Amino acid sequence: MARLIGLFSILLSLILPIVSANPVLASSTEMLNNQGEQIFSTNCAACHMGGGNVIRASRTLKIRDLNAHLEEYQQDPLEAIEHQIEDGKNAMPSYSGELTEDEIIAVATYVEQQAELGWRRNDA
């Protein structure tokens, strides 16, 4: 009987998030965005404050420049940004040894979202 209750608990823990997906997904997305923003502020903002680029003005994080300078951006924006963060290029260092895969995904998601929003401030 205890085994049956244990299996039921596991099954319930797997199904419950699916049934109530909207609040869970919203919360997860918000947490991912907050983590991405924090990582960006710590590691990227010195060169890319507000989506700009203090080293190479034409290599901003605005959509037009991402489209122009990141391979595969139009096909898969998130993956293109992840590769840039992992591999670096020119003056941008590689973060593959500095950030975990989850952190890279979080900051790439944040950058993509901000690019879509035109790098407007969220607190406005």
N, C-alpha and C. Protein backbone atom coordinates (compact mmCIF):
# COMPACT_ATOMS: atom_id res chain seq x y z
N MET A 1 0.82 -1.19 0.00
CA MET A 1 0.00 0.00 0.00
C MET A 1 0.86 1.25 0.00
N ALA A 2 1.93 1.26 0.80
CA ALA A 2 2.82 2.41 0.85
C ALA A 2 3.46 2.65 -0.51
N ARG A 3 3.77 1.56 -1.20
CA ARG A 3 4.37 1.65 -2.52
C ARG A 3 3.39 2.29 -3.50
N LEU A 4 2.12 1.92 -3.41
CA LEU A 4 1.09 2.48 -4.27
C LEU A 4 0.91 3.97 -4.01
N ILE A 5 0.96 4.37 -2.74
CA ILE A 5 0.85 5.78 -2.39
C ILE A 5 2.06 6.54 -2.93
N GLY A 6 3.23 5.95 -2.84
CA GLY A 6 4.45 6.57 -3.36
C GLY A 6 4.36 6.78 -4.86
N LEU A 7 3.89 5.75 -5.58
CA LEU A 7 3.73 5.88 -7.03
C LEU A 7 2.68 6.93 -7.38
N PHE A 8 1.60 6.96 -6.61
CA PHE A 8 0.57 7.96 -6.85
C PHE A 8 1.13 9.37 -6.62
N SER A 9 1.95 9.55 -5.60
CA SER A 9 2.57 10.86 -5.32
C SER A 9 3.47 11.30 -6.46
N ILE A 10 4.26 10.38 -6.97
CA ILE A 10 5.15 10.69 -8.10
C ILE A 10 4.33 11.05 -9.33
N LEU A 11 3.31 10.26 -9.62
CA LEU A 11 2.45 10.52 -10.76
C LEU A 11 1.76 11.87 -10.63
N LEU A 12 1.27 12.17 -9.46
CA LEU A 12 0.61 13.45 -9.20
C LEU A 12 1.58 14.61 -9.38
N SER A 13 2.82 14.44 -8.91
CA SER A 13 3.81 15.51 -9.05
C SER A 13 4.18 15.75 -10.52
N LEU A 14 4.05 14.72 -11.35
CA LEU A 14 4.32 14.89 -12.78
C LEU A 14 3.14 15.49 -13.53
N ILE A 15 1.94 15.14 -13.12
CA ILE A 15 0.74 15.60 -13.83
C ILE A 15 0.31 16.99 -13.39
N LEU A 16 0.45 17.30 -12.12
CA LEU A 16 -0.03 18.58 -11.60
C LEU A 16 0.55 19.78 -12.34
N PRO A 17 1.84 19.82 -12.61
CA PRO A 17 2.36 20.98 -13.36
C PRO A 17 1.76 21.10 -14.76
N ILE A 18 1.44 20.00 -15.37
CA ILE A 18 0.85 20.04 -16.71
C ILE A 18 -0.57 20.58 -16.65
N VAL A 19 -1.31 20.14 -15.65
CA VAL A 19 -2.70 20.56 -15.51
C VAL A 19 -2.79 22.05 -15.23
N SER A 20 -1.92 22.55 -14.39
CA SER A 20 -1.94 23.98 -14.05
C SER A 20 -0.77 24.69 -14.73
N ALA A 21 -0.61 24.48 -16.01
CA ALA A 21 0.57 24.95 -16.74
C ALA A 21 0.72 26.46 -16.79
N ASN A 22 -0.31 27.20 -16.94
CA ASN A 22 -0.16 28.64 -17.11
C ASN A 22 0.58 29.31 -15.95
N PRO A 23 0.16 29.15 -14.70
CA PRO A 23 0.90 29.79 -13.61
C PRO A 23 2.32 29.26 -13.48
N VAL A 24 2.51 27.97 -13.68
CA VAL A 24 3.83 27.38 -13.56
C VAL A 24 4.75 27.91 -14.65
N LEU A 25 4.27 27.93 -15.88
CA LEU A 25 5.10 28.43 -16.97
C LEU A 25 5.41 29.90 -16.80
N ALA A 26 4.44 30.68 -16.38
CA ALA A 26 4.67 32.10 -16.18
C ALA A 26 5.73 32.31 -15.10
N SER A 27 5.63 31.54 -14.03
CA SER A 27 6.60 31.65 -12.95
C SER A 27 7.98 31.22 -13.42
N SER A 28 8.07 30.12 -14.17
CA SER A 28 9.35 29.63 -14.68
C SER A 28 9.97 30.63 -15.64
N THR A 29 9.15 31.19 -16.52
CA THR A 29 9.64 32.17 -17.48
C THR A 29 10.16 33.41 -16.77
N GLU A 30 9.44 33.85 -15.76
CA GLU A 30 9.87 35.03 -14.99
C GLU A 30 11.18 34.74 -14.26
N MET A 31 11.31 33.56 -13.68
CA MET A 31 12.55 33.20 -12.99
C MET A 31 13.72 33.14 -13.97
N LEU A 32 13.48 32.54 -15.15
CA LEU A 32 14.52 32.46 -16.17
C LEU A 32 14.93 33.85 -16.62
N ASN A 33 13.95 34.73 -16.84
CA ASN A 33 14.24 36.09 -17.26
C ASN A 33 15.02 36.85 -16.19
N ASN A 34 14.64 36.69 -14.93
CA ASN A 34 15.36 37.35 -13.84
C ASN A 34 16.79 36.86 -13.75
N GLN A 35 16.98 35.55 -13.89
CA GLN A 35 18.32 34.98 -13.86
C GLN A 35 19.13 35.51 -15.04
N GLY A 36 18.52 35.54 -16.23
CA GLY A 36 19.21 36.05 -17.42
C GLY A 36 19.60 37.51 -17.27
N GLU A 37 18.70 38.29 -16.72
CA GLU A 37 18.99 39.72 -16.51
C GLU A 37 20.15 39.90 -15.53
N GLN A 38 20.16 39.11 -14.48
CA GLN A 38 21.23 39.20 -13.49
C GLN A 38 22.58 38.80 -14.10
N ILE A 39 22.59 37.72 -14.87
CA ILE A 39 23.83 37.27 -15.52
C ILE A 39 24.30 38.32 -16.53
N PHE A 40 23.36 38.87 -17.29
CA PHE A 40 23.70 39.91 -18.26
C PHE A 40 24.32 41.12 -17.55
N SER A 41 23.70 41.55 -16.46
CA SER A 41 24.21 42.70 -15.72
C SER A 41 25.62 42.46 -15.20
N THR A 42 25.88 41.25 -14.76
CA THR A 42 27.19 40.91 -14.20
C THR A 42 28.27 40.72 -15.26
N ASN A 43 27.92 40.07 -16.37
CA ASN A 43 28.94 39.66 -17.35
C ASN A 43 28.94 40.43 -18.66
N CYS A 44 27.83 41.02 -19.03
CA CYS A 44 27.70 41.55 -20.40
C CYS A 44 27.48 43.06 -20.47
N ALA A 45 26.88 43.62 -19.43
CA ALA A 45 26.43 45.02 -19.49
C ALA A 45 27.58 46.02 -19.66
N ALA A 46 28.77 45.68 -19.23
CA ALA A 46 29.88 46.61 -19.37
C ALA A 46 30.11 46.97 -20.85
N CYS A 47 29.92 46.01 -21.73
CA CYS A 47 30.07 46.26 -23.17
C CYS A 47 28.74 46.44 -23.88
N HIS A 48 27.67 45.85 -23.35
CA HIS A 48 26.39 45.83 -24.05
C HIS A 48 25.25 46.51 -23.29
N MET A 49 25.55 47.51 -22.51
CA MET A 49 24.51 48.22 -21.76
C MET A 49 23.40 48.68 -22.69
N GLY A 50 22.17 48.37 -22.33
CA GLY A 50 21.02 48.79 -23.12
C GLY A 50 20.99 48.20 -24.52
N GLY A 51 21.70 47.10 -24.74
CA GLY A 51 21.72 46.45 -26.04
C GLY A 51 22.73 47.04 -27.01
N GLY A 52 23.52 47.98 -26.54
CA GLY A 52 24.53 48.60 -27.41
C GLY A 52 25.81 47.79 -27.46
N ASN A 53 26.88 48.42 -27.93
CA ASN A 53 28.19 47.79 -27.95
C ASN A 53 29.24 48.91 -27.88
N VAL A 54 29.96 49.00 -26.79
CA VAL A 54 30.93 50.07 -26.62
C VAL A 54 32.23 49.82 -27.38
N ILE A 55 32.46 48.59 -27.80
CA ILE A 55 33.69 48.27 -28.52
C ILE A 55 33.51 48.38 -30.03
N ARG A 56 32.44 47.80 -30.55
CA ARG A 56 32.13 47.87 -31.99
C ARG A 56 30.68 48.29 -32.14
N ALA A 57 30.49 49.55 -32.46
CA ALA A 57 29.15 50.14 -32.50
C ALA A 57 28.19 49.41 -33.44
N SER A 58 28.70 48.76 -34.46
CA SER A 58 27.83 48.08 -35.42
C SER A 58 27.43 46.68 -34.96
N ARG A 59 27.96 46.23 -33.85
CA ARG A 59 27.66 44.88 -33.35
C ARG A 59 26.81 44.95 -32.08
N THR A 60 25.69 45.63 -32.17
CA THR A 60 24.80 45.76 -31.01
C THR A 60 23.98 44.50 -30.84
N LEU A 61 23.16 44.50 -29.83
CA LEU A 61 22.24 43.39 -29.57
C LEU A 61 20.83 43.75 -30.03
N LYS A 62 20.74 44.68 -30.94
CA LYS A 62 19.46 45.05 -31.55
C LYS A 62 19.19 44.04 -32.68
N ILE A 63 17.93 43.82 -32.97
CA ILE A 63 17.56 42.79 -33.93
C ILE A 63 18.24 42.97 -35.28
N ARG A 64 18.30 44.19 -35.79
CA ARG A 64 18.90 44.40 -37.12
C ARG A 64 20.37 43.97 -37.14
N ASP A 65 21.11 44.23 -36.06
CA ASP A 65 22.51 43.84 -36.01
C ASP A 65 22.67 42.35 -35.73
N LEU A 66 21.80 41.79 -34.90
CA LEU A 66 21.85 40.34 -34.68
C LEU A 66 21.59 39.61 -35.99
N ASN A 67 20.61 40.08 -36.76
CA ASN A 67 20.34 39.48 -38.07
C ASN A 67 21.53 39.61 -39.01
N ALA A 68 22.20 40.73 -38.96
CA ALA A 68 23.30 40.99 -39.88
C ALA A 68 24.58 40.24 -39.50
N HIS A 69 24.78 39.97 -38.21
CA HIS A 69 26.08 39.47 -37.78
C HIS A 69 26.08 38.08 -37.14
N LEU A 70 24.93 37.55 -36.81
CA LEU A 70 24.89 36.21 -36.22
C LEU A 70 24.35 35.21 -37.23
N GLU A 71 25.18 34.23 -37.55
CA GLU A 71 24.71 33.18 -38.45
C GLU A 71 23.51 32.49 -37.83
N GLU A 72 22.57 32.10 -38.63
CA GLU A 72 21.39 31.34 -38.21
C GLU A 72 20.43 32.12 -37.31
N TYR A 73 20.64 33.44 -37.14
CA TYR A 73 19.75 34.17 -36.24
C TYR A 73 18.31 34.13 -36.72
N GLN A 74 18.09 34.28 -38.01
CA GLN A 74 16.73 34.29 -38.53
C GLN A 74 16.06 32.92 -38.41
N GLN A 75 16.84 31.83 -38.48
CA GLN A 75 16.26 30.50 -38.37
C GLN A 75 16.01 30.10 -36.92
N ASP A 76 16.94 30.40 -36.03
CA ASP A 76 16.82 30.01 -34.62
C ASP A 76 17.55 31.03 -33.75
N PRO A 77 16.88 32.14 -33.43
CA PRO A 77 17.53 33.22 -32.70
C PRO A 77 18.18 32.79 -31.38
N LEU A 78 17.47 32.01 -30.59
CA LEU A 78 17.99 31.62 -29.29
C LEU A 78 19.27 30.80 -29.43
N GLU A 79 19.28 29.86 -30.34
CA GLU A 79 20.47 29.03 -30.53
C GLU A 79 21.64 29.86 -31.06
N ALA A 80 21.37 30.80 -31.95
CA ALA A 80 22.43 31.65 -32.48
C ALA A 80 23.07 32.48 -31.36
N ILE A 81 22.24 33.02 -30.47
CA ILE A 81 22.76 33.81 -29.35
C ILE A 81 23.53 32.91 -28.39
N GLU A 82 23.01 31.72 -28.12
CA GLU A 82 23.70 30.78 -27.24
C GLU A 82 25.10 30.48 -27.78
N HIS A 83 25.20 30.21 -29.08
CA HIS A 83 26.51 29.90 -29.68
C HIS A 83 27.47 31.07 -29.54
N GLN A 84 26.98 32.28 -29.72
CA GLN A 84 27.83 33.46 -29.58
C GLN A 84 28.35 33.59 -28.14
N ILE A 85 27.47 33.34 -27.18
CA ILE A 85 27.88 33.41 -25.77
C ILE A 85 28.89 32.31 -25.46
N GLU A 86 28.62 31.10 -25.93
CA GLU A 86 29.52 29.98 -25.65
C GLU A 86 30.88 30.15 -26.31
N ASP A 87 30.89 30.55 -27.58
CA ASP A 87 32.13 30.57 -28.36
C ASP A 87 32.85 31.91 -28.34
N GLY A 88 32.11 33.01 -28.14
CA GLY A 88 32.72 34.33 -28.24
C GLY A 88 33.16 34.59 -29.67
N LYS A 89 33.68 35.76 -29.92
CA LYS A 89 34.19 36.09 -31.25
C LYS A 89 34.82 37.47 -31.17
N ASN A 90 35.96 37.63 -31.81
CA ASN A 90 36.70 38.89 -31.80
C ASN A 90 36.92 39.35 -30.36
N ALA A 91 36.43 40.51 -30.00
CA ALA A 91 36.67 41.05 -28.64
C ALA A 91 35.80 40.39 -27.58
N MET A 92 34.75 39.68 -28.00
CA MET A 92 33.88 39.04 -27.02
C MET A 92 34.48 37.71 -26.58
N PRO A 93 34.65 37.55 -25.26
CA PRO A 93 35.23 36.29 -24.78
C PRO A 93 34.21 35.14 -24.83
N SER A 94 34.73 33.94 -24.79
CA SER A 94 33.90 32.75 -24.67
C SER A 94 33.47 32.59 -23.22
N TYR A 95 32.22 32.23 -23.01
CA TYR A 95 31.72 32.00 -21.66
C TYR A 95 31.42 30.53 -21.41
N SER A 96 31.86 29.65 -22.30
CA SER A 96 31.54 28.22 -22.12
C SER A 96 32.14 27.65 -20.84
N GLY A 97 33.26 28.11 -20.39
CA GLY A 97 33.84 27.63 -19.15
C GLY A 97 33.46 28.47 -17.94
N GLU A 98 32.84 29.60 -18.19
CA GLU A 98 32.48 30.53 -17.12
C GLU A 98 31.04 30.37 -16.65
N LEU A 99 30.14 30.06 -17.58
CA LEU A 99 28.72 29.93 -17.26
C LEU A 99 28.26 28.50 -17.53
N THR A 100 27.30 28.04 -16.76
CA THR A 100 26.73 26.72 -17.00
C THR A 100 25.83 26.79 -18.23
N GLU A 101 25.43 25.66 -18.74
CA GLU A 101 24.51 25.61 -19.88
C GLU A 101 23.20 26.31 -19.55
N ASP A 102 22.68 26.08 -18.34
CA ASP A 102 21.44 26.74 -17.92
C ASP A 102 21.61 28.26 -17.85
N GLU A 103 22.75 28.72 -17.39
CA GLU A 103 23.00 30.16 -17.31
C GLU A 103 23.11 30.76 -18.71
N ILE A 104 23.74 30.04 -19.62
CA ILE A 104 23.85 30.51 -21.01
C ILE A 104 22.46 30.61 -21.64
N ILE A 105 21.63 29.62 -21.40
CA ILE A 105 20.26 29.65 -21.92
C ILE A 105 19.50 30.83 -21.32
N ALA A 106 19.67 31.05 -20.03
CA ALA A 106 18.96 32.15 -19.36
C ALA A 106 19.36 33.51 -19.93
N VAL A 107 20.65 33.73 -20.10
CA VAL A 107 21.09 35.03 -20.61
C VAL A 107 20.75 35.18 -22.10
N ALA A 108 20.82 34.10 -22.86
CA ALA A 108 20.43 34.16 -24.27
C ALA A 108 18.94 34.47 -24.40
N THR A 109 18.14 33.87 -23.54
CA THR A 109 16.70 34.13 -23.55
C THR A 109 16.42 35.59 -23.21
N TYR A 110 17.14 36.10 -22.23
CA TYR A 110 16.99 37.51 -21.84
C TYR A 110 17.37 38.43 -23.00
N VAL A 111 18.51 38.16 -23.64
CA VAL A 111 18.96 38.99 -24.76
C VAL A 111 17.95 38.95 -25.90
N GLU A 112 17.46 37.76 -26.22
CA GLU A 112 16.48 37.65 -27.31
C GLU A 112 15.20 38.43 -26.97
N GLN A 113 14.73 38.28 -25.74
CA GLN A 113 13.53 39.00 -25.33
C GLN A 113 13.74 40.51 -25.40
N GLN A 114 14.87 40.98 -24.90
CA GLN A 114 15.15 42.41 -24.94
C GLN A 114 15.29 42.93 -26.37
N ALA A 115 15.90 42.14 -27.24
CA ALA A 115 16.01 42.53 -28.64
C ALA A 115 14.63 42.67 -29.26
N GLU A 116 13.75 41.72 -28.95
CA GLU A 116 12.38 41.79 -29.46
C GLU A 116 11.64 43.03 -28.93
N LEU A 117 11.95 43.44 -27.72
CA LEU A 117 11.31 44.60 -27.10
C LEU A 117 12.00 45.91 -27.47
N GLY A 118 13.09 45.83 -28.23
CA GLY A 118 13.83 47.03 -28.59
C GLY A 118 14.67 47.57 -27.45
N TRP A 119 15.00 46.72 -26.49
CA TRP A 119 15.81 47.06 -25.32
C TRP A 119 15.19 48.20 -24.53
N ARG A 120 13.86 48.20 -24.43
CA ARG A 120 13.18 49.16 -23.56
C ARG A 120 13.33 48.70 -22.13
N ARG A 121 13.31 49.63 -21.24
CA ARG A 121 13.38 49.28 -19.80
C ARG A 121 12.10 48.61 -19.38
N ASN A 122 12.22 47.55 -18.59
CA ASN A 122 11.05 46.80 -18.10
C ASN A 122 10.28 47.54 -17.03
N ASP A 123 10.92 48.44 -16.30
CA ASP A 123 10.27 49.09 -15.18
C ASP A 123 9.54 50.36 -15.58
N ALA A 124 9.38 50.59 -16.86
CA ALA A 124 8.71 51.80 -17.32
C ALA A 124 7.20 51.68 -17.19
